[in-house]
N, C-alpha and C. Protein backbone atom coordinates (compact mmCIF):
# COMPACT_ATOMS: atom_id res chain seq x y z
N MET A 1 186.65 33.62 106.22
CA MET A 1 185.16 33.21 106.99
C MET A 1 186.30 32.47 108.26
N LEU A 2 186.99 32.34 108.61
CA LEU A 2 187.70 32.00 109.55
C LEU A 2 187.15 32.57 110.87
N ASP A 3 187.56 34.26 110.32
CA ASP A 3 186.48 35.20 111.49
C ASP A 3 185.88 35.46 111.75
N ARG A 4 185.23 35.08 110.71
CA ARG A 4 183.49 34.98 110.65
C ARG A 4 182.58 34.24 111.82
N THR A 5 183.21 32.87 111.23
CA THR A 5 182.52 31.35 112.17
C THR A 5 183.41 31.21 113.30
N GLY A 6 184.73 31.62 113.49
CA GLY A 6 185.49 31.34 115.16
C GLY A 6 185.86 29.97 114.49
N LEU A 7 186.28 29.33 113.12
CA LEU A 7 186.22 28.08 113.66
C LEU A 7 187.85 27.90 112.87
N THR A 8 188.75 26.88 113.39
CA THR A 8 190.25 27.15 112.61
C THR A 8 189.92 26.58 111.21
N ARG A 9 191.19 26.44 110.83
CA ARG A 9 191.27 26.20 109.02
C ARG A 9 190.98 24.54 109.06
N SER A 10 191.55 23.51 110.01
CA SER A 10 191.64 22.56 109.68
C SER A 10 190.03 21.88 110.37
N THR A 11 189.37 22.79 111.79
CA THR A 11 187.68 22.56 111.57
C THR A 11 187.15 23.11 110.21
N LEU A 12 187.10 23.47 109.70
CA LEU A 12 186.22 23.94 108.82
C LEU A 12 185.97 23.07 107.69
N TYR A 13 187.63 22.85 107.22
CA TYR A 13 187.74 22.07 105.76
C TYR A 13 187.32 20.44 106.58
N ARG A 14 187.19 19.87 108.09
CA ARG A 14 186.92 19.18 108.17
C ARG A 14 185.04 18.87 108.30
N LYS A 15 184.38 19.99 108.26
CA LYS A 15 183.57 20.14 108.52
C LYS A 15 182.82 20.38 107.54
N ILE A 16 183.51 20.73 106.40
CA ILE A 16 183.02 20.83 105.33
C ILE A 16 182.74 19.17 104.47
N HIS A 17 183.67 18.37 104.90
CA HIS A 17 184.17 16.74 104.52
C HIS A 17 183.22 15.95 105.16
N GLU A 18 182.21 16.17 106.54
CA GLU A 18 181.58 15.83 106.67
C GLU A 18 179.83 15.96 106.87
N GLY A 19 180.45 17.39 105.61
CA GLY A 19 178.75 17.71 105.80
C GLY A 19 178.13 18.65 106.79
N THR A 20 178.60 19.21 107.52
CA THR A 20 178.42 19.71 108.67
C THR A 20 178.49 21.22 108.55
N PHE A 21 179.43 21.92 107.27
CA PHE A 21 179.47 23.13 107.05
C PHE A 21 179.34 23.46 105.00
N PRO A 22 178.85 24.73 105.15
CA PRO A 22 178.72 24.65 103.36
C PRO A 22 179.64 24.55 102.92
N ARG A 23 179.92 23.69 101.57
CA ARG A 23 180.43 23.44 100.59
C ARG A 23 181.13 24.81 99.97
N GLN A 24 182.49 24.79 99.38
CA GLN A 24 182.83 26.03 98.78
C GLN A 24 182.15 26.40 97.09
N ILE A 25 182.49 26.97 96.73
CA ILE A 25 181.85 27.05 95.10
C ILE A 25 183.19 28.22 94.71
N ARG A 26 183.35 27.15 93.11
CA ARG A 26 184.44 27.71 92.30
C ARG A 26 184.03 28.99 91.80
N ILE A 27 185.04 30.14 91.86
CA ILE A 27 184.50 31.30 91.62
C ILE A 27 185.62 30.98 89.82
N ALA A 28 186.95 31.13 90.30
CA ALA A 28 188.14 31.32 89.45
C ALA A 28 188.73 29.55 89.15
N ALA A 29 189.60 29.96 88.91
CA ALA A 29 190.57 28.56 88.15
C ALA A 29 191.30 28.50 89.95
N ARG A 30 191.90 29.73 90.49
CA ARG A 30 192.14 29.19 91.64
C ARG A 30 191.65 29.97 92.71
N CYS A 31 190.06 29.96 92.72
CA CYS A 31 189.57 30.80 93.95
C CYS A 31 188.26 29.88 94.04
N SER A 32 188.01 30.54 95.22
CA SER A 32 186.76 29.67 95.58
C SER A 32 186.01 30.87 96.72
N GLY A 33 184.74 30.20 97.17
CA GLY A 33 184.50 31.04 98.49
C GLY A 33 183.24 30.58 98.73
N TRP A 34 181.70 31.14 99.46
CA TRP A 34 180.62 30.35 99.95
C TRP A 34 179.79 31.23 99.60
N ARG A 35 178.24 31.18 99.56
CA ARG A 35 177.08 31.62 98.88
C ARG A 35 176.59 32.17 100.35
N GLU A 36 177.02 33.47 100.25
CA GLU A 36 176.38 33.91 101.86
C GLU A 36 175.03 33.23 102.18
N ARG A 37 174.14 33.21 101.43
CA ARG A 37 172.92 32.22 102.31
C ARG A 37 173.34 31.54 102.80
N ASP A 38 174.46 30.74 102.31
CA ASP A 38 174.85 29.46 103.14
C ASP A 38 175.17 29.45 104.75
N ILE A 39 176.07 30.69 104.49
CA ILE A 39 176.61 30.72 105.25
C ILE A 39 175.49 31.48 106.72
N VAL A 40 174.81 32.24 106.30
CA VAL A 40 174.04 32.41 107.08
C VAL A 40 173.03 31.18 107.61
N GLU A 41 173.09 30.99 106.77
CA GLU A 41 171.99 29.32 107.88
C GLU A 41 172.70 28.80 108.56
N TRP A 42 174.25 28.73 108.07
CA TRP A 42 174.91 27.90 109.30
C TRP A 42 175.31 28.52 110.51
N LEU A 43 175.05 30.03 110.37
CA LEU A 43 175.68 30.70 111.66
C LEU A 43 174.08 30.44 112.45
N GLY A 44 173.32 30.46 111.78
CA GLY A 44 171.82 30.64 112.28
C GLY A 44 171.46 29.06 113.25
N ASN A 45 172.24 28.42 113.07
CA ASN A 45 171.96 27.15 113.52
C ASN A 45 173.01 25.83 112.84
N PRO A 46 174.13 26.18 113.61
CA PRO A 46 175.12 25.58 113.03
C PRO A 46 175.24 24.13 114.10
N ILE A 47 174.79 23.53 114.89
CA ILE A 47 174.83 22.34 115.74
C ILE A 47 174.18 21.75 114.49
N PHE A 48 173.05 22.05 113.87
CA PHE A 48 172.25 21.54 113.13
C PHE A 48 172.44 21.02 111.50
N TYR A 49 173.29 21.96 111.22
CA TYR A 49 173.24 22.11 110.11
C TYR A 49 173.68 21.05 109.27
N GLU A 50 173.20 20.92 107.83
CA GLU A 50 173.83 19.84 106.97
C GLU A 50 173.47 20.53 105.59
N GLN A 51 174.18 19.93 104.85
CA GLN A 51 174.77 20.16 103.39
C GLN A 51 173.44 19.88 102.45
N ARG A 52 173.04 20.65 101.49
CA ARG A 52 171.79 20.38 100.76
C ARG A 52 172.68 19.98 99.64
N ASP A 53 171.85 19.08 98.72
CA ASP A 53 172.77 18.86 97.55
C ASP A 53 172.92 19.99 96.42
N LEU A 54 173.41 20.67 96.03
CA LEU A 54 174.13 21.51 94.84
C LEU A 54 172.85 22.09 93.82
N GLU A 55 172.22 23.27 94.19
CA GLU A 55 171.44 23.49 92.91
C GLU A 55 172.03 23.56 91.57
């Protein structure tokens, strides 16, 4: 994800905490990832992105 967004790890997690980057979803006990549609939405307008409630 870092390569795709250009963010550093610390910036990515700070943005998740602030609600300005999509939350990760749990895939397995020790594995998480992001929904593709959420990342595409963020990449389309990263300045004004706000997290929605999880579906």
